[in-house]
């Protein structure tokens, strides 16, 4: 489900953009002998059939100079932290502090990487350098030329970096072939015009992949479904915002959860969410809560993260609470220790790697973490029931 993000790094003029054009077999990335042509990270899509959908991220050189160059370098390292794997591009047999710093970052992130000595048609890689790098870093080192190199070998080496895809969004024990899943999807002011939101679409695809049967209804029709005596579904997945509205009508024996909790189990640190959510009852006056949403969108009076959850938390705790909201992958400006609790959305718009890196500073600082769906379930008294399907 996640696209595999591969970041291309190295000094200026090592041929990073040319390498991307070689992979794509198109002139997509701007190439120039002028140092610093690539400034902000630039993303290109590429499909390796049967393996993965790649996002190739071209970055500025880590040897950039001046105040503006420092900003570009910071953007490069930010792109590295959001990637699943990395290519370190060198040329002219140069390997020094710039490359060491990048590799230290890869290792800290436990990120697989490949070293490519580019422009080998101008200066082939020495045997000594290859032997040193392979021995020190225990990774592949490829001597390559975008003019006459073996492109298939390059793709093969990139493929070796791709970790097997995570398990299905829906665990097989939840949906078996022929079983019925009732999806409750409100159409309100937060719903995009003329289409469904991404978690709903991805859940539908997961049901189809498992050869299940999907029934999609709005909340009122879900209530009517159970009142009408129709055959009971084998699983109910709802938008978290209508937990309280439909929970009383769903028989206790039917597994029941939300899209947000489903994504929390698939992408997030589920165990930390489980242990962190009950901290809600320990919040005090003046506590600050960090709300992380993975997408940027127009907000309304029905916004779940900016309006509904803060209102529910204030009502439940009776405390004066402060909230900060961060959208997308924007930087968190306050020290993590300023926060009593972090609440993350389902994360449908980011990769598992990006979500893991997003949560880790809070986990390292021993700040409790929760998830939109888990928070709402806890506040409405159905936390155990809504998480039960994933604790088998």
Protein backbone atom coordinates (compact mmCIF):
# COMPACT_ATOMS: atom_id res chain seq x y z
CA UNK A 1 0.00 0.00 0.00
CA UNK A 2 2.80 2.41 0.92
CA UNK A 3 4.96 3.65 -1.91
CA UNK A 4 8.66 3.00 -1.34
CA UNK A 5 10.56 6.27 -0.90
CA UNK A 6 14.16 6.17 -2.17
CA UNK A 7 16.25 9.28 -1.53
CA UNK A 8 19.22 10.12 -3.79
CA UNK A 9 21.98 11.91 -1.88
CA UNK A 10 25.54 13.08 -2.32
CA UNK A 11 27.65 16.13 -3.11
CA UNK A 12 26.85 18.58 -5.85
CA UNK A 13 27.68 17.51 -9.41
CA UNK A 14 28.01 13.80 -8.67
CA UNK A 15 25.24 13.14 -11.21
CA UNK A 16 22.30 12.50 -8.88
CA UNK A 17 19.76 14.00 -11.30
CA UNK A 18 21.33 12.19 -14.25
CA UNK A 19 21.03 8.94 -12.30
CA UNK A 20 17.30 9.55 -11.79
CA UNK A 21 16.86 10.22 -15.52
CA UNK A 22 18.68 6.97 -16.23
CA UNK A 23 16.35 5.03 -13.92
CA UNK A 24 13.26 6.65 -15.43
CA UNK A 25 14.64 6.51 -19.01
CA UNK A 26 13.25 10.03 -19.38
CA UNK A 27 14.63 13.56 -19.03
CA UNK A 28 12.55 14.37 -15.95
CA UNK A 29 15.19 15.83 -13.64
CA UNK A 30 17.00 19.04 -14.64
CA UNK A 31 20.67 18.31 -15.36
CA UNK A 32 23.37 20.98 -15.54
CA UNK A 33 27.16 21.23 -14.99
CA UNK A 34 26.42 24.22 -12.73
CA UNK A 35 26.82 23.18 -9.09
CA UNK A 36 23.64 23.45 -7.04
CA UNK A 37 21.13 22.99 -9.88
CA UNK A 38 18.88 20.90 -7.62
CA UNK A 39 17.72 22.97 -4.66
CA UNK A 40 14.61 21.64 -2.88
CA UNK A 41 13.93 17.87 -2.87
CA UNK A 42 12.12 16.82 -6.06
CA UNK A 43 10.02 13.65 -6.25
CA UNK A 44 9.54 11.37 -9.27
CA UNK A 45 7.44 8.20 -9.50
CA UNK A 46 8.67 4.91 -10.94
CA UNK A 47 7.13 1.43 -10.99
CA UNK A 48 9.15 -1.78 -10.70
CA UNK A 49 6.51 -4.31 -11.85
CA UNK A 50 5.74 -6.94 -9.26
CA UNK A 51 8.12 -5.35 -6.75
CA UNK A 52 7.14 -1.83 -5.67
CA UNK A 53 5.96 1.64 -6.60
CA UNK A 54 8.95 3.91 -6.06
CA UNK A 55 9.13 7.57 -5.19
CA UNK A 56 12.60 8.79 -6.20
CA UNK A 57 13.66 11.88 -4.24
CA UNK A 58 16.35 14.06 -5.84
CA UNK A 59 18.12 16.28 -3.30
CA UNK A 60 20.52 19.20 -3.05
CA UNK A 61 24.22 18.46 -2.58
CA UNK A 62 25.39 18.11 1.00
CA UNK A 63 28.46 20.25 0.21
CA UNK A 64 26.32 23.30 -0.65
CA UNK A 65 27.60 26.63 0.67
CA UNK A 66 26.36 29.85 2.28
CA UNK A 67 23.21 30.58 4.29
CA UNK A 68 20.93 29.40 1.49
CA UNK A 69 23.08 26.31 1.03
CA UNK A 70 22.64 25.42 4.69
CA UNK A 71 18.87 25.58 4.27
CA UNK A 72 19.13 23.27 1.25
CA UNK A 73 21.28 20.81 3.19
CA UNK A 74 18.75 20.78 6.02
CA UNK A 75 16.04 19.96 3.47
CA UNK A 76 18.18 17.10 2.16
CA UNK A 77 18.55 15.55 5.61
CA UNK A 78 14.83 16.06 6.22
CA UNK A 79 14.15 14.09 3.02
CA UNK A 80 16.51 11.35 4.21
CA UNK A 81 14.58 11.01 7.47
CA UNK A 82 11.35 10.53 5.52
CA UNK A 83 12.71 7.87 3.16
CA UNK A 84 12.70 4.07 3.32
CA UNK A 85 16.14 3.65 1.75
CA UNK A 86 18.95 5.75 0.26
CA UNK A 87 21.41 5.93 -2.59
CA UNK A 88 24.68 7.70 -1.80
CA UNK A 89 26.16 8.99 -5.06
CA UNK A 90 29.88 9.74 -5.23
CA UNK A 91 32.20 10.42 -8.18
CA UNK A 92 35.86 10.98 -8.95
CA UNK A 93 36.81 8.58 -6.12
CA UNK A 94 35.97 11.28 -3.55
CA UNK A 95 34.79 10.02 -0.17
CA UNK A 96 35.10 12.12 2.96
CA UNK A 97 33.27 13.93 5.75
CA UNK A 98 30.17 14.73 3.65
CA UNK A 99 29.65 11.07 2.83
CA UNK A 100 30.48 9.93 6.38
CA UNK A 101 27.78 12.20 7.81
CA UNK A 102 25.17 10.85 5.41
CA UNK A 103 26.02 7.24 6.20
CA UNK A 104 25.88 7.94 9.94
CA UNK A 105 22.35 9.27 9.38
CA UNK A 106 21.37 6.17 7.37
CA UNK A 107 22.69 3.94 10.15
CA UNK A 108 20.95 5.89 12.92
CA UNK A 109 17.67 5.47 11.02
CA UNK A 110 18.41 1.77 10.38
CA UNK A 111 17.97 2.64 6.72
CA UNK A 112 19.31 0.34 3.97
CA UNK A 113 21.56 2.14 1.51
CA UNK A 114 23.63 1.62 -1.60
CA UNK A 115 26.78 3.48 -2.64
CA UNK A 116 27.05 4.36 -6.32
CA UNK A 117 30.30 5.64 -7.77
CA UNK A 118 28.89 7.59 -10.71
CA UNK A 119 30.54 9.02 -13.85
CA UNK A 120 32.80 5.98 -14.11
CA UNK A 121 33.29 6.75 -17.80
CA UNK A 122 35.28 9.83 -16.71
CA UNK A 123 37.07 8.33 -13.68
CA UNK A 124 36.63 4.63 -12.88
CA UNK A 125 36.44 3.64 -9.24
CA UNK A 126 39.69 2.42 -7.74
CA UNK A 127 39.90 -1.08 -6.34
CA UNK A 128 41.18 0.31 -3.05
CA UNK A 129 38.17 2.60 -2.52
CA UNK A 130 35.65 -0.12 -3.39
CA UNK A 131 37.32 -2.59 -1.03
CA UNK A 132 37.45 -0.03 1.79
CA UNK A 133 33.79 0.97 1.46
CA UNK A 134 32.46 -2.58 1.15
CA UNK A 135 34.44 -3.73 4.16
CA UNK A 136 33.59 -0.72 6.36
CA UNK A 137 29.89 -0.38 5.58
CA UNK A 138 28.86 -3.92 4.57
CA UNK A 139 26.83 -2.64 1.62
CA UNK A 140 26.92 -2.88 -2.16
CA UNK A 141 29.14 -0.45 -4.06
CA UNK A 142 28.36 -0.01 -7.75
CA UNK A 143 30.72 1.62 -10.26
CA UNK A 144 28.36 3.17 -12.80
CA UNK A 145 27.99 5.51 -15.74
CA UNK A 146 24.65 6.99 -16.80
CA UNK A 147 26.02 7.14 -20.36
CA UNK A 148 26.94 3.51 -20.88
CA UNK A 149 26.25 1.67 -17.62
CA UNK A 150 24.17 -1.45 -17.15
CA UNK A 151 20.79 0.05 -16.20
CA UNK A 152 19.30 -3.36 -15.39
CA UNK A 153 22.08 -3.98 -12.88
CA UNK A 154 21.29 -0.61 -11.29
CA UNK A 155 17.59 -1.52 -11.01
CA UNK A 156 18.56 -4.91 -9.58
CA UNK A 157 20.70 -3.24 -6.89
CA UNK A 158 17.89 -0.82 -6.03
CA UNK A 159 15.45 -3.73 -5.78
CA UNK A 160 17.72 -5.33 -3.17
CA UNK A 161 17.06 -2.34 -0.88
CA UNK A 162 13.29 -2.80 -0.94
CA UNK A 163 12.00 -4.50 2.16
CA UNK A 164 9.06 -6.88 1.75
CA UNK A 165 5.73 -5.06 1.93
CA UNK A 166 4.02 -4.95 5.29
CA UNK A 167 1.10 -7.26 5.85
CA UNK A 168 -2.32 -6.40 4.47
CA UNK A 169 -4.19 -3.46 5.94
CA UNK A 170 -6.78 -6.01 7.09
CA UNK A 171 -5.29 -8.96 8.99
CA UNK A 172 -6.49 -12.22 7.36
CA UNK A 173 -8.07 -13.38 10.65
CA UNK A 174 -10.46 -10.40 10.46
CA UNK A 175 -11.80 -11.01 6.94
CA UNK A 176 -11.97 -14.39 5.26
CA UNK A 177 -13.13 -15.10 1.68
CA UNK A 178 -16.87 -14.63 1.35
CA UNK A 179 -17.31 -12.77 4.65
CA UNK A 180 -19.20 -9.46 4.78
CA UNK A 181 -17.71 -6.19 6.04
CA UNK A 182 -20.03 -3.26 6.78
CA UNK A 183 -18.27 0.07 6.19
CA UNK A 184 -19.89 3.10 7.81
CA UNK A 185 -18.84 6.26 5.97
CA UNK A 186 -20.47 9.59 6.92
CA UNK A 187 -20.90 12.18 4.19
CA UNK A 188 -20.49 15.52 5.99
CA UNK A 189 -18.69 18.81 5.42
CA UNK A 190 -15.33 17.07 5.94
CA UNK A 191 -15.99 14.56 3.14
CA UNK A 192 -14.32 15.47 -0.18
CA UNK A 193 -16.70 16.50 -2.95
CA UNK A 194 -17.67 13.63 -5.23
CA UNK A 195 -15.38 11.01 -3.75
CA UNK A 196 -14.48 9.01 -0.65
CA UNK A 197 -11.54 9.67 1.64
CA UNK A 198 -8.37 7.63 1.21
CA UNK A 199 -8.76 5.31 4.26
CA UNK A 200 -12.17 4.23 2.99
CA UNK A 201 -10.85 3.56 -0.51
CA UNK A 202 -7.82 1.64 0.75
CA UNK A 203 -9.99 -0.45 3.08
CA UNK A 204 -12.32 -1.31 0.20
CA UNK A 205 -9.32 -2.49 -1.83
CA UNK A 206 -8.06 -4.58 1.09
CA UNK A 207 -11.47 -6.28 1.40
CA UNK A 208 -11.43 -7.09 -2.33
CA UNK A 209 -7.88 -8.47 -2.08
CA UNK A 210 -9.10 -10.83 0.65
CA UNK A 211 -12.17 -11.79 -1.47
CA UNK A 212 -14.55 -10.37 1.09
CA UNK A 213 -17.90 -8.66 0.48
CA UNK A 214 -18.15 -4.92 1.22
CA UNK A 215 -21.38 -3.11 2.13
CA UNK A 216 -20.95 0.68 2.29
CA UNK A 217 -23.51 2.81 4.14
CA UNK A 218 -23.91 6.09 5.97
CA UNK A 219 -24.56 6.03 9.76
CA UNK A 220 -28.36 6.19 9.58
CA UNK A 221 -28.45 3.37 7.06
CA UNK A 222 -26.12 1.35 9.30
CA UNK A 223 -28.64 1.66 12.12
CA UNK A 224 -31.45 0.65 9.74
CA UNK A 225 -29.35 -2.30 8.56
CA UNK A 226 -29.31 -3.84 12.04
CA UNK A 227 -32.90 -2.91 12.83
CA UNK A 228 -34.19 -4.52 9.64
CA UNK A 229 -33.10 -8.05 10.50
CA UNK A 230 -30.70 -8.39 7.57
CA UNK A 231 -27.95 -11.04 7.84
CA UNK A 232 -25.33 -9.88 10.32
CA UNK A 233 -22.00 -8.73 8.88
CA UNK A 234 -18.82 -10.44 10.04
CA UNK A 235 -17.06 -7.14 10.77
CA UNK A 236 -18.04 -3.46 11.11
CA UNK A 237 -15.57 -0.66 10.36
CA UNK A 238 -16.75 2.88 10.96
CA UNK A 239 -15.55 6.43 10.83
CA UNK A 240 -14.40 7.15 14.39
CA UNK A 241 -16.60 10.23 14.63
CA UNK A 242 -19.80 8.13 14.67
CA UNK A 243 -18.62 5.48 17.14
CA UNK A 244 -21.12 6.59 19.77
CA UNK A 245 -23.96 6.92 17.27
CA UNK A 246 -23.87 3.38 15.93
CA UNK A 247 -22.19 1.31 18.68
CA UNK A 248 -25.45 0.64 20.58
CA UNK A 249 -26.97 -1.02 17.50
CA UNK A 250 -24.12 -3.43 16.76
CA UNK A 251 -24.42 -6.83 18.49
CA UNK A 252 -21.56 -7.40 20.94
CA UNK A 253 -20.41 -10.56 19.17
CA UNK A 254 -19.65 -8.68 15.92
CA UNK A 255 -16.07 -7.33 15.72
CA UNK A 256 -16.23 -3.54 15.60
CA UNK A 257 -13.50 -0.96 14.96
CA UNK A 258 -12.73 2.21 12.98
CA UNK A 259 -10.72 3.18 9.91
CA UNK A 260 -8.35 5.18 12.10
CA UNK A 261 -7.67 2.27 14.47
CA UNK A 262 -7.24 -0.05 11.50
CA UNK A 263 -4.51 2.25 10.13
CA UNK A 264 -3.00 2.63 13.60
CA UNK A 265 -2.57 -1.14 13.73
CA UNK A 266 -1.15 -1.28 10.20
CA UNK A 267 1.25 1.68 10.34
CA UNK A 268 1.70 3.04 13.83
CA UNK A 269 3.22 1.76 17.06
CA UNK A 270 0.04 -0.01 18.13
CA UNK A 271 1.30 -1.16 21.54
CA UNK A 272 2.38 2.37 22.45
CA UNK A 273 -1.02 3.69 21.34
CA UNK A 274 -2.74 1.10 23.54
CA UNK A 275 -0.70 1.99 26.62
CA UNK A 276 -0.69 5.74 25.98
CA UNK A 277 -4.39 6.38 25.38
CA UNK A 278 -5.56 5.83 28.99
CA UNK A 279 -3.26 8.69 30.04
CA UNK A 280 -6.17 10.91 29.00
CA UNK A 281 -7.59 10.50 32.50
CA UNK A 282 -4.34 11.82 34.03
CA UNK A 283 -4.34 15.15 32.16
CA UNK A 284 -4.07 18.25 34.33
CA UNK A 285 -4.92 21.92 33.98
CA UNK A 286 -2.45 23.64 31.67
CA UNK A 287 -1.29 20.44 29.92
CA UNK A 288 -0.41 20.87 26.26
CA UNK A 289 -1.42 18.25 23.68
CA UNK A 290 0.17 17.84 20.25
CA UNK A 291 -2.26 16.91 17.46
CA UNK A 292 -0.53 15.45 14.40
CA UNK A 293 -2.45 15.16 11.13
CA UNK A 294 -0.74 13.72 8.10
CA UNK A 295 -2.49 15.79 5.45
CA UNK A 296 -3.24 19.44 4.78
CA UNK A 297 -6.91 20.27 4.31
CA UNK A 298 -9.50 22.97 4.73
CA UNK A 299 -10.83 22.96 8.27
CA UNK A 300 -14.46 23.35 9.28
CA UNK A 301 -16.61 23.27 12.40
CA UNK A 302 -16.71 19.48 12.02
CA UNK A 303 -12.94 19.01 11.82
CA UNK A 304 -12.05 15.93 13.86
CA UNK A 305 -8.55 16.92 14.96
CA UNK A 306 -8.93 20.66 15.41
CA UNK A 307 -12.46 20.87 16.77
CA UNK A 308 -14.12 17.61 17.81
CA UNK A 309 -11.33 15.83 19.70
CA UNK A 310 -10.22 18.95 21.65
CA UNK A 311 -13.86 19.58 22.64
CA UNK A 312 -14.33 15.96 23.74
CA UNK A 313 -11.11 16.01 25.77
CA UNK A 314 -12.02 19.23 27.57
CA UNK A 315 -15.47 17.88 28.33
CA UNK A 316 -14.17 14.52 29.62
CA UNK A 317 -11.36 15.91 31.76
CA UNK A 318 -12.90 19.22 32.81
CA UNK A 319 -9.40 20.68 32.48
CA UNK A 320 -8.01 23.74 30.73
CA UNK A 321 -5.98 22.12 27.97
CA UNK A 322 -3.83 23.71 25.26
CA UNK A 323 -3.52 22.22 21.76
CA UNK A 324 -0.90 22.55 19.02
CA UNK A 325 -1.71 21.27 15.53
CA UNK A 326 0.91 20.19 12.99
CA UNK A 327 -0.10 19.21 9.44
CA UNK A 328 1.71 16.96 7.00
CA UNK A 329 5.37 16.39 7.89
CA UNK A 330 6.03 19.94 9.07
CA UNK A 331 8.58 20.32 11.83
CA UNK A 332 7.47 20.28 15.45
CA UNK A 333 8.66 23.63 16.80
CA UNK A 334 8.30 23.13 20.54
CA UNK A 335 10.48 20.70 22.52
CA UNK A 336 8.69 17.37 22.78
CA UNK A 337 8.89 17.60 26.58
CA UNK A 338 6.44 20.55 26.45
CA UNK A 339 3.67 18.06 25.70
CA UNK A 340 1.71 15.83 28.05
CA UNK A 341 0.21 13.77 25.21
CA UNK A 342 0.61 13.30 21.45
CA UNK A 343 -2.38 12.26 19.34
CA UNK A 344 -1.68 11.13 15.75
CA UNK A 345 -4.23 10.71 12.97
CA UNK A 346 -4.51 7.38 11.14
CA UNK A 347 -1.66 8.34 8.83
CA UNK A 348 -3.17 7.34 5.49
CA UNK A 349 -1.19 10.05 3.66
CA UNK A 350 2.26 9.07 4.96
CA UNK A 351 4.34 5.93 4.82
CA UNK A 352 4.90 3.55 7.72
CA UNK A 353 8.50 4.77 7.88
CA UNK A 354 7.45 8.41 8.04
CA UNK A 355 4.89 7.69 10.74
CA UNK A 356 7.38 5.69 12.78
CA UNK A 357 9.91 8.54 12.65
CA UNK A 358 7.14 11.00 13.53
CA UNK A 359 6.25 9.14 16.73
CA UNK A 360 9.73 8.14 17.86
CA UNK A 361 10.80 11.46 19.48
CA UNK A 362 7.73 11.35 21.74
CA UNK A 363 8.32 7.68 22.58
CA UNK A 364 11.99 8.40 23.34
CA UNK A 365 10.92 11.29 25.60
CA UNK A 366 8.39 8.98 27.36
CA UNK A 367 5.47 11.12 26.20
CA UNK A 368 2.25 9.04 25.93
CA UNK A 369 0.99 8.66 22.35
CA UNK A 370 -2.50 7.96 21.08
CA UNK A 371 -4.41 7.90 17.82
CA UNK A 372 -7.51 9.80 16.70
CA UNK A 373 -9.70 6.69 16.61
CA UNK A 374 -8.40 5.28 19.89
CA UNK A 375 -8.87 8.63 21.63
CA UNK A 376 -12.49 8.89 20.49
CA UNK A 377 -13.19 5.27 21.42
CA UNK A 378 -11.73 5.84 24.89
CA UNK A 379 -13.73 9.02 25.40
CA UNK A 380 -16.92 7.21 24.39
CA UNK A 381 -16.35 4.16 26.57
CA UNK A 382 -15.71 1.61 23.83
CA UNK A 383 -11.90 1.54 23.79
CA UNK A 384 -11.58 -2.12 24.71
CA UNK A 385 -14.20 -3.18 22.19
CA UNK A 386 -12.80 -1.09 19.32
CA UNK A 387 -9.24 -2.40 19.79
CA UNK A 388 -10.22 -6.01 20.61
CA UNK A 389 -10.12 -7.24 16.97
CA UNK A 390 -6.35 -6.58 16.90
CA UNK A 391 -5.50 -8.16 20.26
CA UNK A 392 -6.20 -11.76 19.35
